[in-house]
Protein backbone atom coordinates (compact mmCIF):
# COMPACT_ATOMS: atom_id res chain seq x y z
CA MET A 1 -17.56 -115.02 77.48
CA GLU A 2 -16.93 -116.16 81.07
CA ASN A 3 -13.11 -114.71 81.51
CA ILE A 4 -14.70 -111.41 79.86
CA PHE A 5 -17.20 -110.85 82.75
CA GLU A 6 -14.82 -112.28 85.43
CA ALA A 7 -12.08 -109.81 84.08
CA ARG A 8 -14.36 -107.01 84.14
CA GLN A 9 -15.35 -107.67 87.90
CA GLU A 10 -11.51 -108.01 88.78
CA ASN A 11 -10.97 -104.76 87.41
CA LEU A 12 -13.93 -103.17 89.28
CA LYS A 13 -12.48 -104.64 92.67
CA LYS A 14 -9.15 -103.29 92.13
CA LYS A 15 -11.08 -99.76 91.89
CA LEU A 16 -13.22 -100.76 95.18
CA ILE A 17 -9.83 -101.58 97.02
CA GLU A 18 -8.32 -98.15 95.63
CA ASN A 19 -11.48 -96.11 96.84
CA LYS A 20 -11.35 -98.37 100.14
CA ILE A 21 -14.89 -99.37 99.35
CA LYS A 22 -15.74 -102.71 101.09
CA GLY A 23 -18.94 -103.43 98.47
CA LEU A 24 -20.61 -101.82 95.77
CA ALA A 25 -24.13 -102.16 94.80
CA VAL A 26 -24.54 -101.75 91.28
CA PHE A 27 -28.24 -100.79 89.69
CA LYS A 28 -27.93 -99.80 86.31
CA ASP A 29 -29.15 -102.44 83.98
CA GLU A 30 -26.20 -101.91 81.67
CA ASN A 31 -23.81 -102.12 84.32
CA ILE A 32 -25.02 -105.13 85.82
CA PHE A 33 -24.88 -106.79 82.42
CA TYR A 34 -21.49 -105.65 81.90
CA LEU A 35 -20.34 -107.33 85.18
CA THR A 36 -22.33 -110.61 85.25
CA GLY A 37 -23.84 -111.06 81.74
CA PHE A 38 -27.46 -110.73 82.97
CA TYR A 39 -29.59 -108.00 80.85
CA GLY A 40 -33.10 -107.35 82.21
CA LYS A 41 -34.77 -103.90 81.41
CA ASP A 42 -35.95 -102.26 84.41
CA THR A 43 -36.09 -105.48 86.61
CA GLY A 44 -34.91 -103.80 89.80
CA SER A 45 -32.21 -106.24 90.24
CA ILE A 46 -28.91 -105.29 92.02
CA ALA A 47 -25.35 -106.89 91.64
CA LEU A 48 -23.20 -106.49 94.72
CA ILE A 49 -19.43 -106.53 94.35
CA THR A 50 -17.18 -107.28 97.02
CA LYS A 51 -13.64 -108.16 97.55
CA LYS A 52 -14.42 -112.00 97.82
CA GLU A 53 -17.65 -112.56 95.69
CA THR A 54 -20.31 -110.83 93.37
CA VAL A 55 -23.66 -111.60 94.29
CA LEU A 56 -26.76 -111.15 91.88
CA LEU A 57 -29.86 -110.17 93.74
CA THR A 58 -32.96 -110.10 91.35
CA HIS A 59 -36.66 -110.53 91.79
CA PHE A 60 -38.36 -113.78 91.43
CA ILE A 61 -39.92 -112.96 88.00
CA HIS A 62 -36.37 -112.83 86.41
CA PHE A 63 -34.47 -115.45 88.39
CA GLU A 64 -34.68 -117.95 85.98
CA GLN A 65 -33.30 -115.56 83.19
CA ALA A 66 -30.65 -114.53 85.23
CA PHE A 67 -29.67 -117.99 86.09
CA GLN A 68 -29.50 -118.97 82.39
CA SER A 69 -27.48 -116.10 81.45
CA VAL A 70 -24.87 -114.93 83.90
CA SER A 71 -21.65 -116.11 82.25
CA ALA A 72 -19.47 -115.31 85.26
CA LYS A 73 -19.04 -118.51 87.26
CA ASN A 74 -17.99 -116.42 90.23
CA THR A 75 -21.50 -114.98 90.48
CA ARG A 76 -24.04 -116.11 93.23
CA ILE A 77 -27.45 -115.41 92.04
CA ILE A 78 -30.10 -115.02 94.96
CA LYS A 79 -34.08 -113.98 94.52
CA PHE A 80 -36.41 -111.80 96.37
CA LEU A 81 -40.04 -111.90 96.36
CA GLY A 82 -40.34 -108.01 97.65
CA GLN A 83 -38.27 -105.52 99.90
CA LYS A 84 -35.17 -106.06 98.00
CA PHE A 85 -33.25 -103.59 100.17
CA ASN A 86 -34.07 -105.96 103.26
CA LYS A 87 -32.63 -108.82 101.32
CA LEU A 88 -29.83 -106.70 100.68
CA SER A 89 -29.08 -105.97 104.26
CA GLU A 90 -29.33 -109.67 105.06
CA ILE A 91 -26.40 -110.24 102.63
CA LEU A 92 -24.12 -107.33 103.97
CA CYS A 93 -24.74 -108.84 107.16
CA GLU A 94 -23.91 -112.25 106.13
CA MET A 95 -20.63 -110.78 104.82
CA ASP A 96 -19.92 -108.53 107.81
CA ILE A 97 -19.84 -105.49 105.82
CA LYS A 98 -20.71 -102.42 107.83
CA HIS A 99 -20.02 -99.70 104.84
CA CYS A 100 -21.48 -100.27 101.48
CA GLY A 101 -20.97 -97.90 98.23
CA PHE A 102 -24.07 -97.35 96.34
CA GLU A 103 -24.35 -96.64 92.53
CA GLY A 104 -26.40 -93.75 93.18
CA SER A 105 -26.85 -92.47 89.46
CA GLY A 106 -28.55 -96.04 89.09
CA ILE A 107 -31.35 -95.27 91.17
CA SER A 108 -33.76 -92.62 92.11
CA HIS A 109 -33.29 -90.45 94.94
CA ASP A 110 -36.31 -91.86 96.92
CA SER A 111 -34.86 -95.12 96.25
CA PHE A 112 -31.63 -94.30 97.63
CA LEU A 113 -32.99 -92.76 101.11
CA ARG A 114 -35.38 -95.61 101.64
CA ALA A 115 -32.14 -98.07 101.20
CA GLY A 116 -30.16 -96.03 103.45
CA GLU A 117 -33.05 -96.22 106.22
CA VAL A 118 -33.70 -100.09 105.95
CA LEU A 119 -29.69 -100.48 105.90
CA LYS A 120 -29.08 -98.44 108.81
CA GLU A 121 -31.35 -100.68 110.92
CA SER A 122 -28.77 -103.31 110.63
CA GLY A 123 -25.90 -100.73 111.32
CA ILE A 124 -25.01 -100.52 107.58
CA GLU A 125 -24.12 -97.18 106.24
CA ILE A 126 -24.18 -96.33 102.65
CA THR A 127 -22.18 -93.59 100.43
CA ASN A 128 -22.99 -92.24 96.82
CA ASN A 129 -20.15 -93.59 94.82
CA PRO A 130 -21.13 -92.88 91.23
CA GLY A 131 -19.43 -93.76 87.80
CA LEU A 132 -16.87 -96.72 88.90
CA VAL A 133 -18.45 -99.02 86.31
CA GLU A 134 -18.93 -96.42 83.33
CA ASP A 135 -15.30 -95.69 84.04
CA LEU A 136 -14.19 -99.16 83.17
CA ARG A 137 -16.66 -99.11 80.23
CA LEU A 138 -14.98 -96.22 78.83
CA ILE A 139 -12.09 -98.47 77.38
CA LYS A 140 -14.10 -101.35 75.06
CA ASP A 141 -12.49 -104.76 75.14
CA GLU A 142 -12.42 -107.09 72.28
CA TYR A 143 -16.08 -108.59 72.75
CA GLU A 144 -17.46 -105.07 72.90
CA ILE A 145 -15.43 -103.85 69.65
CA LYS A 146 -16.78 -106.69 67.97
CA ALA A 147 -20.46 -106.46 68.80
CA ILE A 148 -20.54 -102.70 67.89
CA LYS A 149 -18.93 -103.42 64.54
CA LYS A 150 -21.92 -105.93 64.06
CA ALA A 151 -24.30 -103.36 65.00
CA CYS A 152 -22.78 -100.83 62.83
CA GLU A 153 -22.76 -103.35 59.91
CA ILE A 154 -26.30 -104.04 60.13
CA THR A 155 -27.22 -100.37 60.11
CA ARG A 156 -24.88 -99.71 56.95
CA ASP A 157 -26.35 -102.53 55.21
CA THR A 158 -29.74 -101.27 55.92
CA PHE A 159 -29.21 -97.86 55.13
CA GLU A 160 -27.73 -99.28 51.57
CA PHE A 161 -30.94 -101.30 51.16
CA ILE A 162 -32.83 -98.10 51.60
CA LEU A 163 -30.60 -96.22 48.72
CA LYS A 164 -31.56 -98.61 46.18
CA LYS A 165 -35.04 -97.36 46.10
CA SER A 166 -35.97 -94.66 43.72
CA SER A 167 -36.77 -91.21 44.82
CA ASP A 168 -40.47 -91.92 43.77
CA LYS A 169 -40.55 -95.08 46.04
CA ILE A 170 -39.04 -93.20 48.92
CA ARG A 171 -41.73 -90.57 48.65
CA LYS A 172 -44.56 -92.99 49.20
CA PHE A 173 -43.51 -93.29 52.64
CA SER A 174 -44.41 -91.07 55.30
CA GLU A 175 -41.38 -90.14 58.02
CA ILE A 176 -42.54 -92.74 60.57
CA GLY A 177 -43.46 -95.31 57.86
CA LEU A 178 -40.05 -94.88 56.71
CA ALA A 179 -38.73 -95.16 60.21
CA PHE A 180 -40.81 -98.38 60.72
CA GLU A 181 -39.31 -99.90 57.45
CA ILE A 182 -35.86 -99.46 58.60
CA GLU A 183 -36.25 -100.94 61.93
CA SER A 184 -37.92 -103.74 60.40
CA SER A 185 -35.03 -104.40 57.98
CA MET A 186 -32.57 -103.86 60.75
CA VAL A 187 -34.29 -106.93 62.93
CA LYS A 188 -34.40 -109.04 59.84
CA LYS A 189 -30.58 -108.45 59.39
CA GLY A 190 -29.87 -109.79 63.00
CA ALA A 191 -30.43 -106.85 65.12
CA SER A 192 -32.45 -106.98 68.27
CA GLY A 193 -34.08 -103.81 67.69
CA ARG A 194 -33.29 -99.91 67.31
CA SER A 195 -30.93 -98.34 69.91
CA PHE A 196 -32.87 -95.13 69.81
CA ASP A 197 -35.96 -93.71 68.30
CA LEU A 198 -34.82 -93.24 64.82
CA VAL A 199 -34.75 -89.80 63.19
CA ILE A 200 -36.34 -89.30 59.67
CA ALA A 201 -36.39 -85.41 59.19
CA ASN A 202 -37.65 -84.35 55.78
CA ASN A 203 -37.01 -80.59 54.52
CA ARG A 204 -37.34 -78.10 57.30
CA ALA A 205 -37.58 -80.70 60.03
CA SER A 206 -34.10 -81.36 59.42
CA SER A 207 -33.09 -78.29 61.24
CA LEU A 208 -34.34 -80.25 64.49
CA PRO A 209 -31.48 -82.56 65.58
CA HIS A 210 -33.89 -84.97 67.25
CA HIS A 211 -37.05 -84.67 65.27
CA VAL A 212 -39.45 -86.90 66.02
CA PRO A 213 -40.72 -88.91 62.54
CA SER A 214 -44.35 -87.49 61.88
CA GLY A 215 -47.07 -88.86 59.66
CA LYS A 216 -46.10 -86.41 57.00
CA THR A 217 -45.64 -88.03 53.39
CA ILE A 218 -41.77 -87.25 52.49
CA ASN A 219 -41.32 -84.90 49.72
CA VAL A 220 -38.64 -84.01 47.22
CA GLY A 221 -35.67 -82.06 48.82
CA ILE A 222 -33.36 -82.90 51.53
CA LEU A 223 -33.86 -86.00 53.81
CA LEU A 224 -31.90 -86.76 57.10
CA PHE A 225 -31.16 -90.39 58.33
CA ASP A 226 -30.22 -90.91 61.84
CA LEU A 227 -30.46 -94.55 62.39
CA GLY A 228 -29.24 -97.24 65.16
CA CYS A 229 -29.58 -100.91 66.58
CA LYS A 230 -28.74 -103.00 68.88
CA TYR A 231 -26.67 -106.31 68.60
CA GLY A 232 -25.58 -108.26 71.56
CA HIS A 233 -27.04 -105.40 73.54
CA TYR A 234 -24.52 -102.89 71.98
CA CYS A 235 -25.61 -99.77 70.12
CA SER A 236 -24.61 -98.22 66.38
CA ASP A 237 -25.27 -94.73 65.58
CA PHE A 238 -25.41 -93.54 62.17
CA THR A 239 -26.53 -90.19 60.64
CA ARG A 240 -26.85 -89.67 56.67
CA THR A 241 -27.99 -86.64 54.67
CA ILE A 242 -29.23 -86.98 51.06
CA PHE A 243 -31.35 -85.27 48.64
CA LEU A 244 -34.37 -86.41 46.80
CA ASP A 245 -34.51 -85.11 43.19
CA GLY A 246 -34.58 -81.38 43.75
CA GLN A 247 -35.51 -80.66 39.76
CA LYS A 248 -39.08 -81.63 40.76
CA ASP A 249 -39.16 -78.84 43.22
CA SER A 250 -38.66 -75.46 41.56
CA LYS A 251 -39.87 -73.44 44.26
CA ASN A 252 -37.17 -74.53 46.73
CA GLN A 253 -33.94 -74.25 44.17
CA ASP A 254 -32.48 -71.52 46.55
CA LYS A 255 -32.84 -73.56 49.65
CA LEU A 256 -31.63 -76.76 48.04
CA LYS A 257 -28.67 -74.92 46.76
CA LYS A 258 -27.77 -73.32 50.10
CA LEU A 259 -28.43 -76.89 51.89
CA LYS A 260 -25.95 -78.45 49.51
CA GLN A 261 -23.41 -75.90 50.08
CA ILE A 262 -23.78 -76.50 53.75
CA TYR A 263 -23.48 -80.32 53.18
CA ASP A 264 -19.72 -79.37 51.67
CA ILE A 265 -18.77 -77.82 55.03
CA VAL A 266 -20.29 -80.28 57.25
CA LEU A 267 -18.70 -83.25 55.26
CA GLN A 268 -15.29 -81.36 55.27
CA ALA A 269 -15.80 -80.65 59.02
CA GLN A 270 -16.17 -84.18 59.74
CA VAL A 271 -13.56 -85.62 57.55
CA LYS A 272 -11.04 -83.55 59.06
CA ALA A 273 -11.94 -84.43 62.90
CA ALA A 274 -11.79 -88.00 61.65
CA LYS A 275 -8.61 -87.68 60.07
CA ALA A 276 -7.31 -85.97 63.33
CA CYS A 277 -8.69 -88.52 65.75
CA ARG A 278 -5.91 -90.29 67.98
CA ALA A 279 -5.29 -91.24 71.47
CA GLY A 280 -3.75 -88.65 73.54
CA MET A 281 -5.83 -85.72 72.27
CA THR A 282 -8.44 -84.38 74.30
CA CYS A 283 -12.22 -84.47 73.48
CA LYS A 284 -12.10 -80.86 73.41
CA GLU A 285 -9.19 -80.63 71.04
CA LEU A 286 -11.19 -82.77 68.57
CA ASP A 287 -14.43 -80.82 68.91
CA HIS A 288 -12.48 -77.82 67.62
CA ILE A 289 -11.33 -79.12 64.55
CA SER A 290 -14.68 -79.37 63.31
CA ARG A 291 -16.26 -76.34 65.29
CA ASP A 292 -13.40 -74.09 64.12
CA PHE A 293 -13.69 -75.07 60.35
CA ILE A 294 -17.44 -74.49 60.67
CA ASP A 295 -17.11 -71.30 62.42
CA GLU A 296 -14.57 -70.16 59.55
CA LYS A 297 -17.17 -70.79 57.18
CA GLY A 298 -19.86 -68.47 58.97
CA TYR A 299 -21.76 -71.29 60.29
CA GLY A 300 -20.75 -71.64 63.97
CA LYS A 301 -23.78 -70.40 65.81
CA PHE A 302 -25.72 -72.88 63.72
CA PHE A 303 -23.63 -75.85 65.20
CA GLY A 304 -25.11 -76.05 68.80
CA HIS A 305 -24.31 -79.46 69.97
CA GLY A 306 -21.13 -81.35 70.72
CA LEU A 307 -19.36 -83.21 68.11
CA GLY A 308 -19.80 -86.53 69.47
CA HIS A 309 -20.21 -88.90 72.36
CA GLY A 310 -19.28 -92.53 73.39
CA VAL A 311 -21.27 -95.42 72.18
CA GLY A 312 -21.68 -98.71 73.89
CA LEU A 313 -24.29 -100.60 75.86
CA GLU A 314 -25.74 -96.98 75.69
CA ILE A 315 -26.23 -94.99 72.60
CA HIS A 316 -25.01 -91.82 74.80
CA GLU A 317 -22.18 -92.85 77.26
CA LEU A 318 -18.84 -91.28 78.29
CA PRO A 319 -16.93 -89.48 76.86
CA THR A 320 -18.57 -86.45 75.79
CA VAL A 321 -16.70 -84.98 72.80
CA SER A 322 -17.46 -81.40 73.11
CA TYR A 323 -16.08 -77.90 73.31
CA ASN A 324 -15.20 -77.96 76.88
CA ASP A 325 -14.43 -81.45 78.10
CA ASP A 326 -10.76 -82.39 78.76
CA THR A 327 -11.37 -86.03 79.03
CA ILE A 328 -8.00 -87.35 77.29
CA LEU A 329 -9.12 -89.78 74.51
CA LYS A 330 -7.53 -93.48 75.09
CA GLU A 331 -7.02 -96.45 72.77
CA ASN A 332 -10.17 -98.35 72.33
CA MET A 333 -12.68 -95.91 73.06
CA VAL A 334 -15.51 -95.77 70.67
CA ILE A 335 -16.75 -92.33 69.97
CA THR A 336 -19.09 -90.77 67.40
CA ILE A 337 -17.92 -87.78 65.15
CA GLU A 338 -21.05 -85.80 64.11
CA PRO A 339 -20.92 -82.21 63.05
CA GLY A 340 -23.89 -80.41 62.07
CA ILE A 341 -25.38 -77.20 60.65
CA TYR A 342 -28.94 -76.41 61.27
CA LEU A 343 -30.67 -73.50 59.58
CA GLU A 344 -34.61 -72.87 61.10
CA GLY A 345 -37.26 -72.89 58.33
CA ILE A 346 -34.97 -74.20 55.63
CA GLY A 347 -33.20 -77.48 57.02
CA GLY A 348 -30.10 -79.16 58.25
CA VAL A 349 -27.20 -81.31 57.62
CA ARG A 350 -25.46 -83.81 60.04
CA ILE A 351 -23.12 -86.62 59.14
CA GLU A 352 -21.98 -89.17 61.76
CA ASP A 353 -19.69 -92.02 61.79
CA ILE A 354 -18.51 -94.03 64.78
CA VAL A 355 -14.82 -94.74 65.39
CA LEU A 356 -12.53 -96.71 67.42
CA VAL A 357 -9.89 -94.69 68.83
CA LYS A 358 -6.09 -95.86 68.05
CA ASP A 359 -2.65 -94.64 68.66
CA GLY A 360 -1.69 -92.66 66.07
CA GLY A 361 -5.20 -92.37 64.32
CA CYS A 362 -8.74 -93.99 64.55
CA GLU A 363 -10.49 -96.73 62.79
CA ASN A 364 -14.01 -95.91 61.07
CA PHE A 365 -16.38 -98.45 61.61
CA TYR A 366 -18.51 -97.28 58.28
CA SER A 367 -16.74 -97.63 55.14
CA ASP A 368 -19.76 -96.10 52.47
CA SER A 369 -19.19 -93.08 50.23
CA LYS A 370 -20.18 -89.71 51.92
CA ALA A 371 -20.15 -87.85 48.93
CA LEU A 372 -23.19 -85.64 48.19
CA MET A 373 -26.17 -88.07 46.97
CA VAL A 374 -29.22 -87.18 44.82
CA LEU A 375 -31.62 -89.80 44.34
CA GLU A 376 -33.64 -89.70 41.06
């Protein structure tokens, strides 16, 4: 663990040298954890990375937690009670740094301007240098891959636990009640919590890609699950679409028949992309494999989002796997492959896996069957 965080710091320091940046102030919680091992949500901490050392500046409230969790031996921890930019200014003056890069995407515009005013009083200039840590996070190391795999395992096992219930038992839940049942199960299996607000979408609600689960009781028909949890601060993402005994709903047989046809199209599009995924191709090329197939089947205008996205400390991170992204996929990037078709007023189908990009192919972190499933 210690070597991992120190190695990440060294990689960042190389980028600072390349970009002629004497020091970089990092504000984003996920990036601070990535570099030091300390994770605190909205703590207002700052990690200052310089050629010689790393300083973690954190509020008194979080100081003990930081002291216990920082894994990099070369990280100095300093606490502040208030006016953190004044404290940062003092540290930069001690280091004789007159120019400091800021991770501007990690703080508000107002905070960036305020910091600039405070540091200017000490003769220190700041510049906006976003994305340097995110560029490193694109390629996952062994520790990260292991944590993401575990989060995926918990998510898959939880979904299989739900599938052991009958259609009648599932229909005793509301959408939000089933979401709570799933999150509770993931925590019992070792997760620290959900990685995003879970999506449980029944029937026509499944045409909404980010549907917010309601208090509506689940009925027969189509049921879309978009699930994910966190393990060791790393995320999983997983979408499956199933059917609940449609023979009990004679009024909607035509809709269910249409949705089952769509399911087959989405599944083929998803499998084609997963089989083609490999290091060296662009995100745009991978996206078009699914998109072109769905378009050939006549549903192109109903697939309105990108094929996928990176997953790691955040549920959505780089790269963006979309029709206009020229990013080249590299070995050990972790991405989702999740085509979907959404028909307003009828329902939608999405199928999503997480894969590890490798030379010559990819490794799927989910091993469950994706064949069309109807729970009786």
